[in-house]
Amino acid sequence: MSETPLHELSIAEAGHKLRDGSLTSIALTEDALARIARIDPAINAFITVTADRALADAQAADAAFARGEDKGPLQGVPYALKDIYDTAGIRTTCHSKLRVNHVPAHDSAVEEKLHAQGGVLLGKLATHEFALGGPSFDLPFPPARNPWNTEHATGGSSSGSGAAVAAGLVRMAMGTDTGGSIRGPAALCGTIGIKPTFGRVSRRGVFPLAYSLDHVGPLAWSVEDAAITLNAIAGFDARDHGSAQVPVPDFCATLDHGVKGLRIGIPRHFFEKAAGVSPEVLRAIDAAAQTLAQLGAIVEDVRLPDYELFAACGRVIMFTEAFAIHQKDFQERPLDFALSTYSRMVMGAFVTGPDLVQAHRLRRELTHAMTNMLQRYNALLTACTIAPAPLIKASRDRVSDSPTQSMPFNVTGHPALSIPTGFSSDGLPLSMQIAGRHFDEATILRIASAFEAQSGLNKKRPAMAT
């Protein structure tokens, strides 16, 4: 029986080999760097490859293992960061001409934790400009492409993170999510992507898009890898004013507990008649719901406020906060933004004070409705994207380029993840979204783990990545 290729080893599997001495972090890292050199020119996932840093991290991890020092499951394991995470001494560009030469003096909170736990930084990943634009061609770096078909987009804005994980360049990459920017790329690239509860993971040192909507979290090849990563990065940070001082459980502890007796609600009215919804997406969600019911969950249709209310509320807040962050550059360097970024962000200039007040009032009402529903149900199951990945050419410079239905859980701050449900007739990933109660990431990971084990979809890779 042939040995598992190194890039196919999960975090846990790699960790076992690193600890029993049958694998070194140097070997794992050199294999990853070789794959990046071979595959990344076709998908543009990386903006900066930190080969020297990676090899130094790997050497340090191997030396720690040799001393009997174990810093945690990520020790010796390569990872990468969306290029809006600050990295001391390594440029953080936000995929923008405006910050193309910016080199931070300090690490982001997440990078501090990953480095302290012995992780191996491979580099910085493509995004949409300032986490808001689209797959633009008028920027210093090309847009990331979907490994399942490079003529198609990855979704955004954690575009390079989705592409890198799907292509097996890393088993985990960090993304950010303000309106769906972890879950969208995960859905369109066929990976796991989890947006934790607002405040669960520190955002310190991550360039903001919208202060009251921003979340950070991992994209990973398996539910277990996502849970392991969340264990490593979660926790209170007094230097992030949005950080929540709440206990952090072991997110891996209940992954194998199954779904028997759990109540799962489906707000089918969110997606079943949405403009552009794919029949293949609907069939895949129905099949997934049936699978969970067969595994013992109680699955029922539920009714929430209309999806359009969540979407409109989130966009008003997001564009207004984004414009406030970038107002100086809009006034002084407007032509240095990509057209798609400018077209979106400028909307915030036209939001009035009363508009914003009403959006925040509506936000409280929507959050109350969602929280009440989740008192009756352990989780909600809904669409993440309503169609497979669009062509990059078709989405170029459009204000809306992603078929994502993820904004509700940014508005309410509830945790939500994307998980693959199958493939379209032309071989592109399909997905669903599972959302849960505030600070109950463990339950949505548990449900996702049960479905993943039954579906086996994490065993399939894009042809270019095999």
Protein backbone atom coordinates (compact mmCIF):
# COMPACT_ATOMS: atom_id res chain seq x y z
CA MET A 1 0.00 0.00 0.00
CA SER A 2 1.51 3.31 -1.09
CA GLU A 3 2.39 5.90 1.54
CA THR A 4 0.18 8.99 1.81
CA PRO A 5 1.73 11.96 -0.03
CA LEU A 6 2.94 14.58 2.41
CA HIS A 7 0.51 17.24 1.21
CA GLU A 8 -2.42 14.92 1.95
CA LEU A 9 -1.51 14.49 5.62
CA SER A 10 -3.90 16.29 7.94
CA ILE A 11 -2.60 18.41 10.79
CA ALA A 12 -3.21 15.54 13.19
CA GLU A 13 -1.61 12.96 10.87
CA ALA A 14 1.41 15.15 10.23
CA GLY A 15 1.67 15.84 13.95
CA HIS A 16 1.74 12.14 14.78
CA LYS A 17 4.57 11.54 12.31
CA LEU A 18 6.49 14.56 13.53
CA ARG A 19 6.27 13.27 17.07
CA ASP A 20 7.20 9.64 16.37
CA GLY A 21 10.21 10.74 14.32
CA SER A 22 9.05 9.31 10.98
CA LEU A 23 8.77 12.81 9.50
CA THR A 24 10.58 16.09 10.00
CA SER A 25 9.17 19.56 9.69
CA ILE A 26 11.99 20.36 7.25
CA ALA A 27 10.78 17.57 4.93
CA LEU A 28 7.16 18.71 5.26
CA THR A 29 8.14 22.31 4.56
CA GLU A 30 10.41 21.54 1.61
CA ASP A 31 7.61 19.48 0.07
CA ALA A 32 5.18 22.41 0.51
CA LEU A 33 7.63 24.90 -1.01
CA ALA A 34 8.18 22.58 -3.99
CA ARG A 35 4.40 22.30 -4.52
CA ILE A 36 4.05 26.08 -4.36
CA ALA A 37 6.77 26.48 -6.99
CA ARG A 38 5.07 23.91 -9.23
CA ILE A 39 1.38 24.74 -8.81
CA ASP A 40 1.05 28.34 -7.68
CA PRO A 41 2.00 29.98 -11.00
CA ALA A 42 -1.33 28.66 -12.34
CA ILE A 43 -3.50 29.84 -9.43
CA ASN A 44 -1.72 32.93 -7.99
CA ALA A 45 -2.58 32.03 -4.40
CA PHE A 46 0.60 33.55 -2.93
CA ILE A 47 1.69 37.18 -2.99
CA THR A 48 4.83 36.52 -0.94
CA VAL A 49 6.50 33.15 -0.32
CA THR A 50 8.63 33.29 2.84
CA ALA A 51 10.90 30.34 2.05
CA ASP A 52 13.78 31.35 4.32
CA ARG A 53 11.46 32.05 7.23
CA ALA A 54 9.64 28.76 6.64
CA LEU A 55 12.82 26.71 6.68
CA ALA A 56 14.00 28.50 9.82
CA ASP A 57 10.64 27.84 11.51
CA ALA A 58 10.83 24.19 10.46
CA GLN A 59 14.37 23.81 11.77
CA ALA A 60 13.30 25.37 15.08
CA ALA A 61 10.31 23.00 15.31
CA ASP A 62 12.48 19.94 14.66
CA ALA A 63 14.99 21.10 17.27
CA ALA A 64 12.18 21.56 19.80
CA PHE A 65 10.89 18.04 19.12
CA ALA A 66 14.43 16.71 19.58
CA ARG A 67 14.56 18.38 23.01
CA GLY A 68 11.24 16.81 23.95
CA GLU A 69 9.46 20.17 23.75
CA ASP A 70 5.90 20.08 22.42
CA LYS A 71 4.18 23.43 21.86
CA GLY A 72 0.94 22.03 20.48
CA PRO A 73 -0.66 20.38 17.42
CA LEU A 74 0.58 23.03 14.98
CA GLN A 75 4.26 22.63 15.86
CA GLY A 76 6.18 21.96 12.66
CA VAL A 77 3.08 22.32 10.44
CA PRO A 78 3.18 24.79 7.51
CA TYR A 79 0.45 27.44 7.19
CA ALA A 80 -0.11 30.73 5.36
CA LEU A 81 -1.83 34.05 6.08
CA LYS A 82 -4.15 36.23 4.05
CA ASP A 83 -2.09 39.29 3.19
CA ILE A 84 -3.96 41.62 5.52
CA TYR A 85 -2.44 39.98 8.64
CA ASP A 86 0.53 41.94 9.93
CA THR A 87 3.81 40.03 9.98
CA ALA A 88 6.83 41.71 11.57
CA GLY A 89 9.54 42.31 8.97
CA ILE A 90 7.46 40.77 6.15
CA ARG A 91 5.42 43.00 3.88
CA THR A 92 1.65 43.13 4.30
CA THR A 93 0.22 44.57 1.10
CA CYS A 94 -3.57 44.16 1.39
CA HIS A 95 -3.22 43.30 -2.33
CA SER A 96 -3.08 47.02 -3.01
CA LYS A 97 -0.85 49.61 -4.64
CA LEU A 98 -1.52 51.79 -1.60
CA ARG A 99 0.38 49.40 0.71
CA VAL A 100 2.58 47.49 -1.69
CA ASN A 101 5.75 48.27 0.27
CA HIS A 102 4.30 48.28 3.78
CA VAL A 103 6.38 46.23 6.24
CA PRO A 104 4.85 46.04 9.74
CA ALA A 105 6.97 46.25 12.86
CA HIS A 106 4.79 43.84 14.83
CA ASP A 107 2.92 40.59 14.27
CA SER A 108 -0.85 40.32 14.36
CA ALA A 109 -2.29 38.53 17.39
CA VAL A 110 -3.02 35.40 15.35
CA GLU A 111 0.51 35.28 13.94
CA GLU A 112 1.91 35.73 17.45
CA LYS A 113 0.00 32.64 18.56
CA LEU A 114 0.80 30.49 15.53
CA HIS A 115 4.50 31.35 15.73
CA ALA A 116 4.64 30.78 19.50
CA GLN A 117 3.08 27.35 19.00
CA GLY A 118 5.76 26.32 16.52
CA GLY A 119 3.90 26.74 13.24
CA VAL A 120 5.79 27.20 9.97
CA LEU A 121 4.91 30.35 8.00
CA LEU A 122 5.02 29.68 4.24
CA GLY A 123 3.92 33.15 3.17
CA LYS A 124 1.19 35.69 2.51
CA LEU A 125 -1.84 34.99 0.36
CA ALA A 126 -3.82 36.89 -2.25
CA THR A 127 -6.98 38.71 -1.25
CA HIS A 128 -9.36 41.14 -2.85
CA GLU A 129 -7.98 44.63 -2.36
CA PHE A 130 -8.47 45.64 1.29
CA ALA A 131 -10.76 42.59 1.55
CA LEU A 132 -13.50 44.38 -0.39
CA GLY A 133 -12.80 44.59 -4.12
CA GLY A 134 -13.27 41.85 -6.67
CA PRO A 135 -10.92 39.69 -8.74
CA SER A 136 -9.26 42.74 -10.27
CA PHE A 137 -6.67 43.00 -13.03
CA ASP A 138 -5.62 46.59 -12.29
CA LEU A 139 -3.63 45.80 -9.14
CA PRO A 140 0.05 45.02 -8.46
CA PHE A 141 -0.72 41.29 -8.16
CA PRO A 142 -2.99 39.04 -10.25
CA PRO A 143 -6.20 37.61 -8.79
CA ALA A 144 -6.20 34.09 -7.38
CA ARG A 145 -7.77 31.40 -9.55
CA ASN A 146 -9.87 28.40 -8.65
CA PRO A 147 -7.85 25.13 -8.61
CA TRP A 148 -10.88 23.14 -9.80
CA ASN A 149 -10.93 25.22 -12.98
CA THR A 150 -8.56 28.16 -13.34
CA GLU A 151 -10.99 30.02 -15.61
CA HIS A 152 -13.22 30.43 -12.57
CA ALA A 153 -13.04 32.72 -9.54
CA THR A 154 -12.31 31.65 -5.99
CA GLY A 155 -14.76 33.97 -4.32
CA GLY A 156 -13.53 36.61 -1.95
CA SER A 157 -12.01 38.12 -0.25
CA SER A 158 -9.88 35.30 1.22
CA SER A 159 -9.25 34.22 -2.35
CA GLY A 160 -5.68 33.02 -2.01
CA SER A 161 -6.53 31.16 1.19
CA GLY A 162 -9.25 29.17 -0.53
CA ALA A 163 -7.07 28.41 -3.54
CA ALA A 164 -4.01 27.43 -1.48
CA VAL A 165 -5.93 24.99 0.72
CA ALA A 166 -7.85 23.44 -2.19
CA ALA A 167 -4.64 22.93 -4.18
CA GLY A 168 -2.90 21.25 -1.25
CA LEU A 169 -0.27 23.96 -0.86
CA VAL A 170 -1.23 24.21 2.81
CA ARG A 171 -3.64 22.22 4.94
CA MET A 172 -4.69 25.43 6.74
CA ALA A 173 -4.69 29.13 5.84
CA MET A 174 -6.01 32.11 7.75
CA GLY A 175 -8.73 34.30 6.26
CA THR A 176 -11.06 37.10 7.34
CA ASP A 177 -14.82 37.42 7.06
CA THR A 178 -16.83 40.67 7.04
CA GLY A 179 -19.69 39.60 4.80
CA GLY A 180 -18.66 36.05 3.91
CA SER A 181 -15.00 36.31 2.97
CA ILE A 182 -13.96 33.05 4.68
CA ARG A 183 -17.04 31.02 3.83
CA GLY A 184 -17.36 32.21 0.22
CA PRO A 185 -13.90 31.11 -0.93
CA ALA A 186 -14.23 27.91 1.09
CA ALA A 187 -17.53 27.17 -0.65
CA LEU A 188 -16.32 27.92 -4.17
CA CYS A 189 -13.00 26.12 -3.67
CA GLY A 190 -14.43 23.06 -1.90
CA THR A 191 -12.80 23.48 1.52
CA ILE A 192 -13.92 24.03 5.10
CA GLY A 193 -14.13 27.65 6.23
CA ILE A 194 -15.28 28.76 9.67
CA LYS A 195 -16.22 32.25 10.80
CA PRO A 196 -16.14 32.10 14.60
CA THR A 197 -18.44 34.10 16.84
CA PHE A 198 -17.70 37.84 16.81
CA GLY A 199 -14.97 38.38 19.39
CA ARG A 200 -13.87 34.74 19.67
CA VAL A 201 -10.53 35.35 17.87
CA SER A 202 -8.51 38.55 18.16
CA ARG A 203 -8.43 40.84 15.11
CA ARG A 204 -5.48 42.87 16.39
CA GLY A 205 -3.00 43.48 13.60
CA VAL A 206 -5.46 42.57 10.84
CA PHE A 207 -6.24 45.47 8.50
CA PRO A 208 -9.92 46.32 9.12
CA LEU A 209 -12.69 46.40 6.57
CA ALA A 210 -15.61 47.13 8.92
CA TYR A 211 -14.90 47.26 12.64
CA SER A 212 -18.27 45.94 13.78
CA LEU A 213 -18.52 43.11 11.23
CA ASP A 214 -14.94 41.78 10.91
CA HIS A 215 -14.13 38.23 11.99
CA VAL A 216 -10.97 36.16 11.53
CA GLY A 217 -10.78 32.41 11.16
CA PRO A 218 -9.26 29.49 9.25
CA LEU A 219 -9.89 27.76 5.95
CA ALA A 220 -8.83 24.12 6.11
CA TRP A 221 -9.01 20.87 4.21
CA SER A 222 -10.94 19.04 6.94
CA VAL A 223 -13.24 19.85 9.82
CA GLU A 224 -10.70 18.47 12.28
CA ASP A 225 -7.96 20.72 10.87
CA ALA A 226 -10.27 23.73 11.27
CA ALA A 227 -11.06 22.73 14.86
CA ILE A 228 -7.38 22.25 15.72
CA THR A 229 -6.60 25.69 14.31
CA LEU A 230 -9.45 27.33 16.19
CA ASN A 231 -8.09 25.80 19.40
CA ALA A 232 -4.75 27.46 18.65
CA ILE A 233 -6.01 30.98 17.90
CA ALA A 234 -9.12 31.51 20.04
CA GLY A 235 -9.06 33.50 23.24
CA PHE A 236 -9.45 36.92 24.82
CA ASP A 237 -7.13 39.76 23.82
CA ALA A 238 -7.32 42.91 25.91
CA ARG A 239 -5.73 44.87 23.05
CA ASP A 240 -8.65 44.10 20.72
CA HIS A 241 -11.65 46.12 21.90
CA GLY A 242 -14.00 43.69 20.17
CA SER A 243 -12.53 40.64 21.87
CA ALA A 244 -14.84 38.60 24.09
CA GLN A 245 -13.71 37.40 27.50
CA VAL A 246 -15.41 34.01 27.45
CA PRO A 247 -14.12 30.47 28.13
CA VAL A 248 -12.57 28.60 25.20
CA PRO A 249 -13.53 24.92 24.98
CA ASP A 250 -11.61 22.17 23.21
CA PHE A 251 -13.22 22.36 19.77
CA CYS A 252 -12.00 18.85 18.93
CA ALA A 253 -13.54 17.18 21.97
CA THR A 254 -17.00 16.56 20.47
CA LEU A 255 -16.17 16.12 16.78
CA ASP A 256 -17.04 12.42 16.92
CA HIS A 257 -20.24 12.76 18.98
CA GLY A 258 -22.55 12.57 15.97
CA VAL A 259 -25.79 14.48 15.46
CA LYS A 260 -28.40 12.20 17.03
CA GLY A 261 -31.04 14.31 18.74
CA LEU A 262 -29.70 17.66 17.55
CA ARG A 263 -32.32 20.04 16.16
CA ILE A 264 -31.37 21.71 12.87
CA GLY A 265 -33.52 24.37 11.23
CA ILE A 266 -33.46 25.22 7.52
CA PRO A 267 -34.50 28.78 6.52
CA ARG A 268 -35.29 27.57 3.03
CA HIS A 269 -36.91 30.88 2.10
CA PHE A 270 -33.43 32.48 2.21
CA PHE A 271 -32.25 30.64 -0.89
CA GLU A 272 -34.80 28.49 -2.68
CA LYS A 273 -36.15 31.31 -4.86
CA ALA A 274 -33.10 33.59 -4.86
CA ALA A 275 -32.20 35.12 -8.22
CA GLY A 276 -29.62 32.93 -9.93
CA VAL A 277 -29.94 29.98 -7.56
CA SER A 278 -28.64 26.76 -9.10
CA PRO A 279 -30.90 23.69 -9.05
CA GLU A 280 -27.75 21.69 -8.32
CA VAL A 281 -27.17 23.70 -5.15
CA LEU A 282 -30.76 23.08 -4.03
CA ARG A 283 -30.52 19.34 -4.67
CA ALA A 284 -27.22 19.12 -2.83
CA ILE A 285 -28.60 20.93 0.23
CA ASP A 286 -31.67 18.70 0.26
CA ALA A 287 -29.46 15.61 0.06
CA ALA A 288 -27.25 16.92 2.88
CA ALA A 289 -30.30 17.58 5.07
CA GLN A 290 -31.50 14.04 4.40
CA THR A 291 -28.09 12.68 5.33
CA LEU A 292 -28.14 14.52 8.66
CA ALA A 293 -31.68 13.30 9.32
CA GLN A 294 -30.60 9.73 8.59
CA LEU A 295 -27.76 10.20 11.08
CA GLY A 296 -30.33 11.07 13.75
CA ALA A 297 -30.75 14.84 13.61
CA ILE A 298 -34.20 16.45 13.73
CA VAL A 299 -34.29 18.62 10.60
CA GLU A 300 -37.15 21.08 10.07
CA ASP A 301 -37.89 24.12 7.93
CA VAL A 302 -37.96 27.41 9.83
CA ARG A 303 -38.82 31.02 9.05
CA LEU A 304 -36.59 34.02 9.80
CA PRO A 305 -36.78 37.62 8.58
CA ASP A 306 -36.15 37.80 4.84
CA TYR A 307 -32.57 37.36 3.68
CA GLU A 308 -32.69 40.71 1.87
CA LEU A 309 -33.07 42.53 5.21
CA PHE A 310 -29.89 40.95 6.56
CA ALA A 311 -28.03 41.69 3.31
CA ALA A 312 -29.11 45.33 3.10
CA CYS A 313 -28.38 45.96 6.77
CA GLY A 314 -24.91 44.45 6.50
CA ARG A 315 -24.01 46.32 3.32
CA VAL A 316 -24.99 49.72 4.71
CA ILE A 317 -22.83 49.16 7.79
CA MET A 318 -19.94 47.58 5.89
CA PHE A 319 -19.65 50.22 3.16
CA THR A 320 -19.99 53.08 5.65
CA GLU A 321 -17.33 51.73 8.00
CA ALA A 322 -15.03 50.88 5.07
CA PHE A 323 -15.33 54.38 3.64
CA ALA A 324 -14.54 55.88 7.04
CA ILE A 325 -11.36 53.79 7.25
CA HIS A 326 -10.20 54.76 3.75
CA GLN A 327 -11.56 58.31 3.51
CA LYS A 328 -8.12 59.99 3.51
CA ASP A 329 -6.82 57.82 0.67
CA PHE A 330 -10.07 58.37 -1.25
CA GLN A 331 -9.45 62.09 -1.08
CA GLU A 332 -5.71 62.02 -1.78
CA ARG A 333 -5.06 58.89 -3.93
CA PRO A 334 -8.35 57.79 -5.49
CA LEU A 335 -6.75 56.51 -8.71
CA ASP A 336 -4.54 54.09 -6.77
CA PHE A 337 -7.53 51.92 -5.85
CA ALA A 338 -8.69 49.21 -8.20
CA LEU A 339 -11.86 50.18 -10.04
CA SER A 340 -13.87 47.42 -8.39
CA THR A 341 -12.70 48.44 -4.90
CA TYR A 342 -13.45 52.11 -5.54
CA SER A 343 -16.88 51.29 -6.99
CA ARG A 344 -17.88 49.41 -3.87
CA MET A 345 -16.30 51.51 -1.18
CA VAL A 346 -17.53 54.84 -2.55
CA MET A 347 -21.07 53.73 -1.74
CA GLY A 348 -20.25 54.46 1.88
CA ALA A 349 -19.86 58.14 1.07
CA PHE A 350 -23.57 58.39 0.31
CA VAL A 351 -24.92 56.77 3.48
CA THR A 352 -26.51 59.40 5.73
CA GLY A 353 -26.49 59.50 9.51
CA PRO A 354 -30.18 58.50 9.69
CA ASP A 355 -29.48 55.62 7.25
CA LEU A 356 -26.76 54.27 9.55
CA VAL A 357 -28.92 54.68 12.66
CA GLN A 358 -31.72 52.72 11.02
CA ALA A 359 -29.28 50.00 9.91
CA HIS A 360 -28.05 49.55 13.48
CA ARG A 361 -31.62 49.51 14.78
CA LEU A 362 -32.49 46.83 12.24
CA ARG A 363 -29.35 44.92 13.18
CA ARG A 364 -30.55 44.60 16.77
CA GLU A 365 -33.94 43.32 15.60
CA LEU A 366 -32.38 40.77 13.23
CA THR A 367 -29.92 39.56 15.85
CA HIS A 368 -32.77 39.12 18.33
CA ALA A 369 -34.74 37.06 15.79
CA MET A 370 -31.74 34.88 14.97
CA THR A 371 -30.87 34.33 18.63
CA ASN A 372 -34.45 33.38 19.47
CA MET A 373 -34.51 30.85 16.64
CA LEU A 374 -31.25 29.35 17.86
CA GLN A 375 -32.72 28.90 21.32
CA ARG A 376 -35.12 26.42 19.71
CA TYR A 377 -32.56 24.83 17.38
CA ASN A 378 -28.98 23.74 17.93
CA ALA A 379 -27.99 24.97 14.49
CA LEU A 380 -29.26 26.33 11.19
CA LEU A 381 -28.49 24.87 7.76
CA THR A 382 -28.67 27.13 4.73
CA ALA A 383 -26.96 27.95 1.45
CA CYS A 384 -23.49 29.42 1.51
CA THR A 385 -23.25 30.09 -2.21
CA ILE A 386 -26.32 29.79 -4.41
CA ALA A 387 -24.32 28.82 -7.51
CA PRO A 388 -20.91 27.37 -8.36
CA ALA A 389 -17.89 29.61 -8.90
CA PRO A 390 -18.41 32.18 -11.68
CA LEU A 391 -15.96 32.73 -14.49
CA ILE A 392 -13.32 35.29 -13.64
CA LYS A 393 -14.03 37.10 -16.92
CA ALA A 394 -17.74 37.29 -16.08
CA SER A 395 -17.09 38.69 -12.61
CA ARG A 396 -14.40 41.19 -13.61
CA ASP A 397 -14.96 44.70 -12.24
CA ARG A 398 -18.55 44.03 -11.28
CA VAL A 399 -19.93 45.38 -8.04
CA SER A 400 -21.34 41.95 -7.22
CA ASP A 401 -19.24 39.00 -8.32
CA SER A 402 -20.01 36.27 -5.81
CA PRO A 403 -23.17 34.18 -5.38
CA THR A 404 -22.69 34.14 -1.59
CA GLN A 405 -25.47 34.22 1.02
CA SER A 406 -23.35 34.69 4.12
CA MET A 407 -24.04 38.20 5.41
CA PRO A 408 -26.75 37.27 7.97
CA PHE A 409 -24.25 35.77 10.39
CA ASN A 410 -21.91 38.76 10.14
CA VAL A 411 -24.80 41.02 11.03
CA THR A 412 -25.74 38.87 14.04
CA GLY A 413 -22.23 37.71 14.98
CA HIS A 414 -23.19 34.03 15.19
CA PRO A 415 -20.59 31.42 14.21
CA ALA A 416 -20.99 29.83 10.78
CA LEU A 417 -19.03 27.51 8.55
CA SER A 418 -19.06 26.38 4.95
CA ILE A 419 -18.67 22.72 4.03
CA PRO A 420 -18.73 20.99 0.62
CA THR A 421 -21.88 19.11 -0.39
CA GLY A 422 -20.78 17.80 -3.80
CA PHE A 423 -19.97 18.99 -7.29
CA SER A 424 -21.81 20.61 -10.17
CA SER A 425 -22.15 18.91 -13.52
CA ASP A 426 -19.03 20.74 -14.71
CA GLY A 427 -16.96 19.67 -11.72
CA LEU A 428 -17.11 22.79 -9.53
CA PRO A 429 -17.69 22.52 -5.75
CA LEU A 430 -21.11 22.93 -4.16
CA SER A 431 -21.60 23.78 -0.51
CA MET A 432 -23.86 24.47 2.43
CA GLN A 433 -23.56 26.66 5.51
CA ILE A 434 -24.06 25.60 9.13
CA ALA A 435 -24.58 28.31 11.76
CA GLY A 436 -24.93 28.04 15.50
CA ARG A 437 -25.42 29.80 18.81
CA HIS A 438 -23.02 32.49 19.98
CA PHE A 439 -19.75 30.90 21.17
CA ASP A 440 -20.98 27.41 20.29
CA GLU A 441 -18.58 26.70 17.43
CA ALA A 442 -18.19 23.21 18.86
CA THR A 443 -21.70 22.20 17.80
CA ILE A 444 -21.44 23.39 14.21
CA LEU A 445 -18.05 21.69 13.92
CA ARG A 446 -19.62 18.52 15.33
CA ILE A 447 -22.43 18.60 12.75
CA ALA A 448 -19.96 19.32 9.96
CA SER A 449 -17.71 16.48 11.10
CA ALA A 450 -20.57 13.99 11.02
CA PHE A 451 -21.55 15.08 7.51
CA GLU A 452 -17.95 15.07 6.29
CA ALA A 453 -17.40 11.53 7.57
CA GLN A 454 -20.54 10.36 5.77
CA SER A 455 -19.89 12.20 2.49
CA GLY A 456 -16.16 11.60 2.13
CA LEU A 457 -15.91 14.74 0.03
CA ASN A 458 -12.65 15.83 1.67
CA LYS A 459 -10.99 12.88 -0.06
CA LYS A 460 -11.35 14.53 -3.48
CA ARG A 461 -8.79 17.02 -4.80
CA PRO A 462 -8.66 19.16 -7.95
CA ALA A 463 -6.89 17.29 -10.75
CA MET A 464 -4.09 19.87 -10.82
CA ALA A 465 -3.37 19.20 -7.14
CA THR A 466 -2.94 15.43 -7.31
